[in-house]
Amino acid sequence: MKTRTLSVALALLLSSLASLSSAHEQEPSDLKAQAEARLAASSAPEQAQQPRRFTPCVRGMAGEFPCHRVDLLSFFPMEEIGGGTAVGTGRGNDVWGWTDPQTRRDYVLAGRENGTAIVDITDPKRPVYLANLPTAAPPGDADRIWRDIKVHADHAFVVAEGGPPSFQHGMQVLDLTRLRDIDPADAPVTLSEDTLYKEFETAHNVAINEDTGFAYALGARNADRSLSCEGGLHMVDISDPTNPTFAGCWSDDGYIHDTQCVVYEGPDADHRGREICINSNSQTGPQGGLRRVTITDVTDKSSPVSLAAVPYEGSAFSHQGWLTEDQSHFLFGDEGDELSFGHPTRTLVWDVSDLTAPAVIGTFFSSADATDHNMYVKNRYVYQSNYRAGLRVLDLRNVEQGTLEEVAFFDVYPPNDDPGFGFGTWSNYPFFKRGVVAVHGYQGLWLLKPRLGERQP
């Protein structure tokens, strides 16, 4: 059983997170950075004995990794994909994926402090680190952990967030079809972006609606570190991927940490066919109200419309969520509640069948204490990256009753499941048709294969 040091982690981070309610003039990343530095100093990753290649989950272990119904296909420590595990050396963060429509080859786009690693995982037991896209920040600028990647029309869109005014990055656009010309014998090759969008200098995050061809930069800042679009939705037309153009702002709800934007086809007949964004708001806006979930109609980029702005009980840092595939429910995580309130990893189930009156109808508590991060829905399952607790897979069979059930997991950080930042998995990408789930974070990239069709023992 893992060592439980919740009281130590609480003491380290409560002072930072408690200040969120009164210090909204600070960007959320600054507050997280303070906590991350303290926690990172408390222990060191132990990777020397961890398996690197195919290891099935047998009797609750895949080599050194605790697991249940998830096999390890391959593992890249950060040092093997252009990074490192010490602060500033290229720790891992966000991850996304791309399948080449012509060759059907699968690629993982794995973010680092210092760039983006591109890994060919067509054979997930023998993946190839194919290419590196270095950061667009000028030489000498401090590398920061926040990098986010999405894909549209065979192009990758990459943003990064930095601290000092000198950190200028913009949004990189890379034509992924260029990967077809790379000989694996030459790998890894260094690439440069095809276009650099400079209407903002940094952004915490980017979301893309592939159905409409719009990107939404979140927490964007200008060269003087002032917020672009008040940290809300900075909307970009990417229908011509190498010619991105500014399309508008949504700032009425203030700082938005993450969003999912879709062409709505859910149960609320009044809004079908509209482009709807469901936002995780971690800070106050002009209308007031901290840490909430908001819903915005962005069909008209020049005049978005607020549909709902709802706070929730036990809020600390509204972080991220994802819709069920029928768009009737929204699975949501607050990144600060585990440390602020001392409970295990919490997932809120929102009923969003009425977009003007979303409501929490259920709460799921994990058996682990780890801080939750990004989650995504594929078919009947939600795939959660919960930092030190690793990948957690929850069954949505009874989501209409507000009930979730954990059916599989793979723990990428064996030493403990403590809450806090600095170790474990940041995000995952479960959308490859071959059933591979890419799990990425501070210490490396894991390629996993859940066995969800099997009966539980």
Protein backbone atom coordinates (compact mmCIF):
# COMPACT_ATOMS: atom_id res chain seq x y z
CA MET A 1 0.00 0.00 0.00
CA LYS A 2 1.24 3.43 -0.81
CA THR A 3 2.54 5.74 1.89
CA ARG A 4 -0.09 8.33 2.73
CA THR A 5 1.31 11.75 3.55
CA LEU A 6 -1.79 13.86 3.14
CA SER A 7 -1.10 16.03 6.14
CA VAL A 8 2.36 16.95 4.84
CA ALA A 9 1.02 17.78 1.39
CA LEU A 10 -1.78 19.84 2.89
CA ALA A 11 0.66 21.89 4.92
CA LEU A 12 2.79 22.50 1.86
CA LEU A 13 0.04 23.71 -0.42
CA LEU A 14 -2.93 25.04 1.55
CA SER A 15 -1.41 28.47 1.91
CA SER A 16 -1.09 28.82 -1.87
CA LEU A 17 -4.50 27.49 -2.79
CA ALA A 18 -6.31 29.35 -0.02
CA SER A 19 -5.20 32.59 -1.57
CA LEU A 20 -7.11 31.90 -4.79
CA SER A 21 -10.31 33.47 -3.50
CA SER A 22 -8.64 36.78 -2.71
CA ALA A 23 -5.79 36.95 -5.21
CA HIS A 24 -7.50 36.72 -8.56
CA GLU A 25 -5.20 39.35 -9.96
CA GLN A 26 -2.49 36.67 -10.00
CA GLU A 27 -2.56 34.19 -12.85
CA PRO A 28 -3.41 30.64 -11.68
CA SER A 29 -0.14 29.27 -13.03
CA ASP A 30 1.85 31.50 -10.68
CA LEU A 31 0.02 30.07 -7.68
CA LYS A 32 0.50 26.51 -8.92
CA ALA A 33 4.18 27.16 -9.57
CA GLN A 34 4.76 28.09 -5.93
CA ALA A 35 3.12 24.90 -4.72
CA GLU A 36 4.81 22.78 -7.37
CA ALA A 37 8.28 23.94 -6.38
CA ARG A 38 7.67 23.04 -2.73
CA LEU A 39 6.31 19.60 -3.48
CA ALA A 40 8.95 18.79 -6.08
CA ALA A 41 11.61 19.24 -3.43
CA SER A 42 9.98 16.69 -1.12
CA SER A 43 10.90 13.54 -3.07
CA ALA A 44 12.44 12.38 -6.34
CA PRO A 45 11.06 10.14 -9.09
CA GLU A 46 12.23 6.54 -8.99
CA GLN A 47 12.52 5.25 -12.54
CA ALA A 48 15.60 3.06 -12.62
CA GLN A 49 13.70 -0.21 -12.02
CA GLN A 50 10.57 0.62 -13.99
CA PRO A 51 9.88 -1.44 -17.13
CA ARG A 52 10.31 0.24 -20.49
CA ARG A 53 8.56 -2.19 -22.84
CA PHE A 54 5.52 -4.50 -22.97
CA THR A 55 4.55 -5.72 -19.53
CA PRO A 56 1.06 -7.14 -18.92
CA CYS A 57 -0.88 -6.35 -15.79
CA VAL A 58 -0.69 -9.55 -13.74
CA ARG A 59 -1.97 -9.87 -10.16
CA GLY A 60 -2.19 -6.12 -9.81
CA MET A 61 1.25 -5.19 -11.14
CA ALA A 62 2.86 -4.42 -14.50
CA GLY A 63 6.47 -4.64 -13.43
CA GLU A 64 6.80 -1.90 -10.81
CA PHE A 65 3.52 -0.19 -11.73
CA PRO A 66 0.34 -0.98 -9.77
CA CYS A 67 -2.49 -1.68 -12.21
CA HIS A 68 -5.90 -3.19 -12.79
CA ARG A 69 -7.03 -4.34 -16.25
CA VAL A 70 -4.49 -2.08 -18.02
CA ASP A 71 -1.36 -3.42 -19.72
CA LEU A 72 1.85 -1.47 -20.32
CA LEU A 73 2.83 -1.44 -23.99
CA SER A 74 5.79 0.91 -23.75
CA PHE A 75 7.30 3.61 -21.55
CA PHE A 76 9.53 6.53 -22.48
CA PRO A 77 11.28 8.34 -19.61
CA MET A 78 11.51 12.04 -20.40
CA GLU A 79 15.22 11.72 -21.14
CA GLU A 80 14.35 9.51 -24.12
CA ILE A 81 12.05 12.07 -25.76
CA GLY A 82 14.10 15.22 -25.45
CA GLY A 83 13.40 16.18 -21.85
CA GLY A 84 14.32 15.56 -18.24
CA THR A 85 12.73 15.23 -14.81
CA ALA A 86 14.34 18.17 -13.02
CA VAL A 87 12.60 21.54 -13.11
CA GLY A 88 13.55 23.38 -16.30
CA THR A 89 15.09 20.37 -18.08
CA GLY A 90 12.03 19.40 -20.12
CA ARG A 91 9.47 17.82 -17.79
CA GLY A 92 6.39 16.43 -19.52
CA ASN A 93 2.94 17.99 -19.51
CA ASP A 94 0.08 17.86 -22.01
CA VAL A 95 -0.47 15.23 -24.71
CA TRP A 96 -2.60 14.83 -27.82
CA GLY A 97 -2.66 12.50 -30.81
CA TRP A 98 -3.00 12.35 -34.57
CA THR A 99 -3.76 9.55 -37.02
CA ASP A 100 -2.56 10.22 -40.55
CA PRO A 101 -5.64 9.84 -42.79
CA GLN A 102 -3.45 8.70 -45.70
CA THR A 103 -1.02 6.26 -44.07
CA ARG A 104 -3.15 5.37 -40.99
CA ARG A 105 -0.07 5.75 -38.82
CA ASP A 106 -0.65 6.91 -35.24
CA TYR A 107 1.39 9.66 -33.59
CA VAL A 108 1.58 11.02 -30.06
CA LEU A 109 2.33 14.73 -29.56
CA ALA A 110 3.86 14.97 -26.11
CA GLY A 111 4.48 18.37 -24.57
CA ARG A 112 7.60 19.28 -22.61
CA GLU A 113 8.82 22.42 -20.91
CA ASN A 114 11.17 22.94 -23.85
CA GLY A 115 9.09 21.79 -26.81
CA THR A 116 6.94 19.01 -28.23
CA ALA A 117 8.04 15.42 -28.85
CA ILE A 118 6.40 13.54 -31.72
CA VAL A 119 6.35 9.76 -31.32
CA ASP A 120 5.23 7.25 -33.95
CA ILE A 121 3.19 4.67 -32.02
CA THR A 122 1.80 2.71 -34.96
CA ASP A 123 3.46 -0.30 -33.36
CA PRO A 124 2.88 0.68 -29.72
CA LYS A 125 5.27 -2.01 -28.45
CA ARG A 126 8.05 -0.57 -30.63
CA PRO A 127 7.37 3.18 -30.77
CA VAL A 128 9.82 5.60 -32.40
CA TYR A 129 10.68 9.08 -31.15
CA LEU A 130 10.42 10.62 -34.58
CA ALA A 131 10.68 14.39 -34.29
CA ASN A 132 11.08 17.37 -31.99
CA LEU A 133 9.35 20.73 -32.29
CA PRO A 134 11.33 23.10 -30.03
CA THR A 135 9.59 25.80 -28.06
CA ALA A 136 8.95 29.05 -29.91
CA ALA A 137 10.15 31.09 -26.94
CA PRO A 138 13.38 33.02 -27.58
CA PRO A 139 16.66 31.45 -26.39
CA GLY A 140 17.40 32.20 -22.77
CA ASP A 141 13.78 32.49 -21.63
CA ALA A 142 12.88 30.35 -18.66
CA ASP A 143 11.16 27.09 -19.59
CA ARG A 144 7.79 26.72 -17.89
CA ILE A 145 5.79 23.57 -17.37
CA TRP A 146 2.62 24.75 -19.15
CA ARG A 147 2.29 23.69 -22.77
CA ASP A 148 -0.90 22.59 -24.51
CA ILE A 149 -1.46 20.88 -27.86
CA LYS A 150 -4.49 20.19 -30.05
CA VAL A 151 -4.92 19.04 -33.65
CA HIS A 152 -7.15 20.20 -36.51
CA ALA A 153 -7.08 19.41 -40.24
CA ASP A 154 -3.76 17.52 -39.98
CA HIS A 155 -2.06 20.44 -38.22
CA ALA A 156 -0.89 20.70 -34.61
CA PHE A 157 -1.55 23.89 -32.63
CA VAL A 158 0.74 24.47 -29.65
CA VAL A 159 0.61 27.16 -26.97
CA ALA A 160 2.78 27.71 -23.91
CA GLU A 161 2.60 29.86 -20.81
CA GLY A 162 5.55 31.71 -19.34
CA GLY A 163 6.23 34.05 -16.49
CA PRO A 164 8.55 36.96 -17.32
CA PRO A 165 7.59 39.60 -19.90
CA SER A 166 10.39 38.31 -22.10
CA PHE A 167 8.63 34.96 -22.54
CA GLN A 168 7.00 35.28 -25.95
CA HIS A 169 5.68 32.18 -27.63
CA GLY A 170 2.42 32.68 -29.53
CA MET A 171 0.69 29.67 -31.08
CA GLN A 172 2.79 27.31 -33.18
CA VAL A 173 1.15 25.65 -36.18
CA LEU A 174 2.82 22.53 -37.56
CA ASP A 175 1.75 20.65 -40.70
CA LEU A 176 1.77 17.06 -39.49
CA THR A 177 1.78 15.59 -42.99
CA ARG A 178 5.47 16.51 -43.02
CA LEU A 179 6.01 13.48 -40.79
CA ARG A 180 5.46 11.24 -43.83
CA ASP A 181 8.83 12.35 -45.23
CA ILE A 182 10.89 11.48 -42.16
CA ASP A 183 13.03 8.35 -42.38
CA PRO A 184 12.96 6.62 -38.95
CA ALA A 185 16.67 5.95 -39.42
CA ASP A 186 17.21 9.71 -39.11
CA ALA A 187 15.01 10.11 -36.04
CA PRO A 188 14.61 12.23 -34.08
CA VAL A 189 14.71 15.15 -36.48
CA THR A 190 14.18 18.76 -35.44
CA LEU A 191 11.24 20.57 -37.01
CA SER A 192 10.20 24.21 -37.09
CA GLU A 193 6.63 25.44 -37.12
CA ASP A 194 4.96 26.38 -40.41
CA THR A 195 3.23 29.41 -38.89
CA LEU A 196 3.43 31.31 -35.62
CA TYR A 197 0.24 33.12 -34.56
CA LYS A 198 1.25 36.22 -32.58
CA GLU A 199 -2.03 37.88 -31.59
CA PHE A 200 -1.14 36.81 -28.05
CA GLU A 201 2.25 36.02 -26.57
CA THR A 202 1.38 33.25 -24.13
CA ALA A 203 -1.64 31.11 -23.32
CA HIS A 204 -2.32 28.57 -20.64
CA ASN A 205 -4.36 26.29 -22.83
CA VAL A 206 -5.99 25.86 -26.23
CA ALA A 207 -9.19 24.06 -27.23
CA ILE A 208 -10.33 23.33 -30.77
CA ASN A 209 -13.72 22.61 -32.25
CA GLU A 210 -12.77 20.50 -35.26
CA ASP A 211 -16.33 20.65 -36.61
CA THR A 212 -16.24 24.43 -37.02
CA GLY A 213 -12.53 25.13 -37.47
CA PHE A 214 -12.12 27.47 -34.51
CA ALA A 215 -9.46 27.46 -31.81
CA TYR A 216 -10.03 28.92 -28.34
CA ALA A 217 -6.94 30.13 -26.50
CA LEU A 218 -7.43 30.32 -22.73
CA GLY A 219 -5.62 32.47 -20.21
CA ALA A 220 -3.96 34.31 -23.10
CA ARG A 221 -1.63 37.20 -22.30
CA ASN A 222 -0.04 39.99 -24.29
CA ALA A 223 3.63 40.91 -24.34
CA ASP A 224 3.22 43.14 -21.27
CA ARG A 225 1.55 40.22 -19.42
CA SER A 226 -1.85 41.90 -19.53
CA LEU A 227 -4.70 39.49 -20.18
CA SER A 228 -5.94 39.13 -23.74
CA CYS A 229 -9.74 38.85 -23.80
CA GLU A 230 -9.56 39.15 -19.97
CA GLY A 231 -8.23 35.60 -19.87
CA GLY A 232 -11.47 34.30 -21.40
CA LEU A 233 -12.01 32.86 -24.88
CA HIS A 234 -9.55 34.28 -27.41
CA MET A 235 -11.17 32.93 -30.58
CA VAL A 236 -9.15 32.12 -33.70
CA ASP A 237 -10.38 31.05 -37.13
CA ILE A 238 -8.16 28.13 -38.17
CA SER A 239 -10.22 26.95 -41.15
CA ASP A 240 -7.08 27.75 -43.13
CA PRO A 241 -4.62 26.22 -40.64
CA THR A 242 -1.50 28.06 -41.78
CA ASN A 243 -3.31 31.39 -41.85
CA PRO A 244 -4.96 31.65 -38.41
CA THR A 245 -6.93 34.86 -37.90
CA PHE A 246 -8.37 36.49 -34.82
CA ALA A 247 -12.17 35.99 -34.65
CA GLY A 248 -13.29 37.56 -31.38
CA CYS A 249 -13.34 37.55 -27.57
CA TRP A 250 -15.55 36.29 -24.80
CA SER A 251 -14.57 37.98 -21.56
CA ASP A 252 -17.78 38.44 -19.56
CA ASP A 253 -17.01 35.43 -17.36
CA GLY A 254 -13.39 36.41 -16.70
CA TYR A 255 -10.56 33.89 -16.63
CA ILE A 256 -11.38 30.51 -18.21
CA HIS A 257 -8.99 27.70 -17.39
CA ASP A 258 -10.30 25.15 -19.87
CA THR A 259 -13.23 24.62 -22.22
CA GLN A 260 -14.86 22.12 -24.54
CA CYS A 261 -16.60 23.63 -27.57
CA VAL A 262 -18.97 21.55 -29.69
CA VAL A 263 -21.69 21.84 -32.28
CA TYR A 264 -24.50 21.03 -29.90
CA GLU A 265 -26.68 18.02 -30.72
CA GLY A 266 -27.77 17.19 -27.18
CA PRO A 267 -31.16 17.00 -25.48
CA ASP A 268 -31.78 20.77 -25.19
CA ALA A 269 -33.75 21.30 -28.42
CA ASP A 270 -33.56 25.09 -28.13
CA HIS A 271 -29.81 25.06 -28.80
CA ARG A 272 -29.25 22.24 -31.26
CA GLY A 273 -26.99 23.21 -34.12
CA ARG A 274 -25.41 26.06 -32.14
CA GLU A 275 -21.72 26.18 -31.22
CA ILE A 276 -21.58 25.82 -27.45
CA CYS A 277 -18.60 26.08 -25.08
CA ILE A 278 -18.72 24.59 -21.58
CA ASN A 279 -16.12 26.45 -19.54
CA SER A 280 -14.24 25.80 -16.32
CA ASN A 281 -13.85 29.24 -14.74
CA SER A 282 -11.21 29.38 -12.04
CA GLN A 283 -11.46 33.09 -11.34
CA THR A 284 -14.00 35.87 -11.11
CA GLY A 285 -15.28 37.92 -14.04
CA PRO A 286 -17.09 41.25 -14.32
CA GLN A 287 -20.33 39.57 -13.29
CA GLY A 288 -18.77 38.19 -10.09
CA GLY A 289 -18.75 34.63 -8.79
CA LEU A 290 -15.60 32.61 -8.27
CA ARG A 291 -14.86 29.07 -9.41
CA ARG A 292 -17.80 27.89 -11.40
CA VAL A 293 -18.92 26.22 -14.61
CA THR A 294 -20.24 28.50 -17.35
CA ILE A 295 -21.90 27.78 -20.68
CA THR A 296 -21.57 30.13 -23.66
CA ASP A 297 -23.09 30.19 -27.12
CA VAL A 298 -20.24 31.26 -29.44
CA THR A 299 -22.00 30.73 -32.76
CA ASP A 300 -21.64 34.44 -33.49
CA LYS A 301 -18.00 35.18 -32.66
CA SER A 302 -18.70 38.91 -32.62
CA SER A 303 -21.46 38.53 -30.04
CA PRO A 304 -21.30 35.40 -27.85
CA VAL A 305 -24.20 34.80 -25.46
CA SER A 306 -24.00 33.59 -21.87
CA LEU A 307 -26.39 30.71 -21.20
CA ALA A 308 -25.42 29.82 -17.61
CA ALA A 309 -22.90 30.58 -14.86
CA VAL A 310 -23.21 28.19 -11.92
CA PRO A 311 -21.02 27.87 -8.81
CA TYR A 312 -20.67 24.51 -7.09
CA GLU A 313 -20.16 23.31 -3.55
CA GLY A 314 -16.63 22.66 -2.32
CA SER A 315 -14.92 24.71 -5.00
CA ALA A 316 -11.23 25.55 -4.89
CA PHE A 317 -9.94 25.72 -8.49
CA SER A 318 -12.35 25.03 -11.36
CA HIS A 319 -10.15 23.13 -13.78
CA GLN A 320 -11.47 20.93 -16.59
CA GLY A 321 -14.20 18.61 -17.76
CA TRP A 322 -15.63 16.71 -20.72
CA LEU A 323 -19.07 15.97 -22.12
CA THR A 324 -20.54 12.52 -22.48
CA GLU A 325 -20.91 11.60 -26.13
CA ASP A 326 -24.67 12.28 -26.08
CA GLN A 327 -23.88 15.75 -24.64
CA SER A 328 -26.30 15.28 -21.76
CA HIS A 329 -23.76 15.19 -18.92
CA PHE A 330 -20.50 16.95 -18.11
CA LEU A 331 -17.80 15.19 -16.04
CA PHE A 332 -15.82 17.80 -14.14
CA GLY A 333 -12.78 18.10 -11.89
CA ASP A 334 -11.69 20.82 -9.46
CA GLU A 335 -7.89 20.82 -9.23
CA GLY A 336 -7.65 22.29 -5.75
CA ASP A 337 -10.36 20.57 -3.71
CA GLU A 338 -8.37 17.50 -2.67
CA LEU A 339 -5.75 19.66 -0.96
CA SER A 340 -8.13 22.33 0.27
CA PHE A 341 -10.68 20.00 1.82
CA GLY A 342 -8.74 16.78 2.47
CA HIS A 343 -10.94 14.36 0.54
CA PRO A 344 -9.94 11.82 -2.14
CA THR A 345 -10.01 12.60 -5.86
CA ARG A 346 -13.46 13.99 -6.65
CA THR A 347 -15.38 13.97 -9.92
CA LEU A 348 -18.62 15.95 -10.23
CA VAL A 349 -21.39 14.79 -12.56
CA TRP A 350 -23.32 17.70 -14.07
CA ASP A 351 -26.65 17.29 -15.80
CA VAL A 352 -26.46 19.71 -18.76
CA SER A 353 -29.61 18.56 -20.55
CA ASP A 354 -30.88 22.11 -20.02
CA LEU A 355 -28.01 24.38 -21.05
CA THR A 356 -29.49 27.31 -19.17
CA ALA A 357 -29.79 25.40 -15.88
CA PRO A 358 -26.90 22.92 -15.43
CA ALA A 359 -26.85 21.15 -12.07
CA VAL A 360 -24.58 18.76 -10.15
CA ILE A 361 -26.44 15.44 -9.74
CA GLY A 362 -23.67 13.21 -8.40
CA THR A 363 -20.21 13.03 -6.88
CA PHE A 364 -17.67 10.26 -7.29
CA PHE A 365 -14.79 9.87 -4.83
CA SER A 366 -11.82 7.75 -5.86
CA SER A 367 -10.00 5.39 -3.54
CA ALA A 368 -6.88 7.53 -4.10
CA ASP A 369 -6.08 10.98 -2.70
CA ALA A 370 -4.33 12.36 -5.78
CA THR A 371 -5.10 15.72 -7.35
CA ASP A 372 -7.16 15.35 -10.50
CA HIS A 373 -6.17 16.88 -13.81
CA ASN A 374 -7.40 16.27 -17.38
CA MET A 375 -10.16 13.82 -18.29
CA TYR A 376 -11.72 12.74 -21.58
CA VAL A 377 -14.69 10.62 -22.60
CA LYS A 378 -14.62 7.85 -25.20
CA ASN A 379 -17.70 5.70 -25.65
CA ARG A 380 -18.86 4.54 -22.21
CA TYR A 381 -15.75 5.45 -20.26
CA VAL A 382 -14.06 8.52 -18.87
CA TYR A 383 -10.25 8.44 -18.84
CA GLN A 384 -8.80 10.52 -16.03
CA SER A 385 -5.21 11.63 -15.49
CA ASN A 386 -4.98 12.07 -11.75
CA TYR A 387 -1.34 13.08 -11.23
CA ARG A 388 0.28 10.60 -8.80
CA ALA A 389 -2.59 8.10 -9.00
CA GLY A 390 -2.06 7.75 -12.74
CA LEU A 391 -4.72 6.81 -15.28
CA ARG A 392 -8.14 6.02 -13.81
CA VAL A 393 -10.93 4.66 -16.02
CA LEU A 394 -14.52 5.22 -14.88
CA ASP A 395 -17.62 3.50 -16.28
CA LEU A 396 -20.43 5.85 -17.33
CA ARG A 397 -23.10 3.16 -17.47
CA ASN A 398 -25.15 4.82 -14.71
CA VAL A 399 -24.21 8.45 -15.35
CA GLU A 400 -27.88 9.45 -15.67
CA GLN A 401 -28.23 8.63 -11.97
CA GLY A 402 -25.09 10.65 -11.21
CA THR A 403 -23.13 7.45 -10.52
CA LEU A 404 -19.68 6.47 -11.75
CA GLU A 405 -17.64 3.30 -11.16
CA GLU A 406 -13.88 2.84 -11.42
CA VAL A 407 -13.18 -0.23 -13.57
CA ALA A 408 -9.47 0.04 -14.43
CA PHE A 409 -6.32 1.96 -13.51
CA PHE A 410 -2.61 2.21 -14.18
CA ASP A 411 -0.53 3.96 -11.54
CA VAL A 412 2.39 5.79 -13.16
CA TYR A 413 3.91 7.01 -9.89
CA PRO A 414 4.38 4.05 -7.51
CA PRO A 415 5.83 5.88 -4.46
CA ASN A 416 2.48 7.39 -3.34
CA ASP A 417 -0.93 8.72 -4.33
CA ASP A 418 -0.61 11.99 -2.43
CA PRO A 419 -2.35 15.14 -3.64
CA GLY A 420 -0.26 17.93 -5.13
CA PHE A 421 1.68 18.71 -8.26
CA GLY A 422 5.09 17.83 -9.67
CA PHE A 423 4.74 14.05 -10.19
CA GLY A 424 2.66 11.64 -12.22
CA THR A 425 0.38 12.10 -15.20
CA TRP A 426 -0.76 15.47 -16.53
CA SER A 427 -3.04 14.27 -19.32
CA ASN A 428 -4.00 11.40 -21.60
CA TYR A 429 -5.24 10.79 -25.13
CA PRO A 430 -7.66 7.84 -25.44
CA PHE A 431 -8.97 8.43 -28.98
CA PHE A 432 -6.74 6.16 -31.06
CA LYS A 433 -8.88 3.57 -32.88
CA ARG A 434 -6.43 0.81 -31.99
CA GLY A 435 -7.39 1.17 -28.32
CA VAL A 436 -4.03 2.54 -27.17
CA VAL A 437 -4.16 5.26 -24.51
CA ALA A 438 -1.24 7.69 -24.40
CA VAL A 439 -0.60 8.83 -20.82
CA HIS A 440 1.89 11.64 -20.33
CA GLY A 441 3.22 13.70 -17.48
CA TYR A 442 6.16 15.02 -15.56
CA GLN A 443 8.24 11.84 -15.65
CA GLY A 444 7.49 10.36 -19.06
CA LEU A 445 5.15 8.92 -21.69
CA TRP A 446 3.30 5.66 -21.14
CA LEU A 447 1.48 3.74 -23.91
CA LEU A 448 -1.25 1.67 -22.29
CA LYS A 449 -3.92 -0.80 -23.38
CA PRO A 450 -7.00 -1.05 -21.12
CA ARG A 451 -8.80 -4.39 -21.17
CA LEU A 452 -12.29 -3.03 -20.66
CA GLY A 453 -14.09 -5.77 -22.56
CA GLU A 454 -13.03 -8.39 -20.06
CA ARG A 455 -15.10 -9.42 -17.09
CA GLN A 456 -13.80 -8.23 -13.76
CA PRO A 457 -12.39 -10.98 -11.50
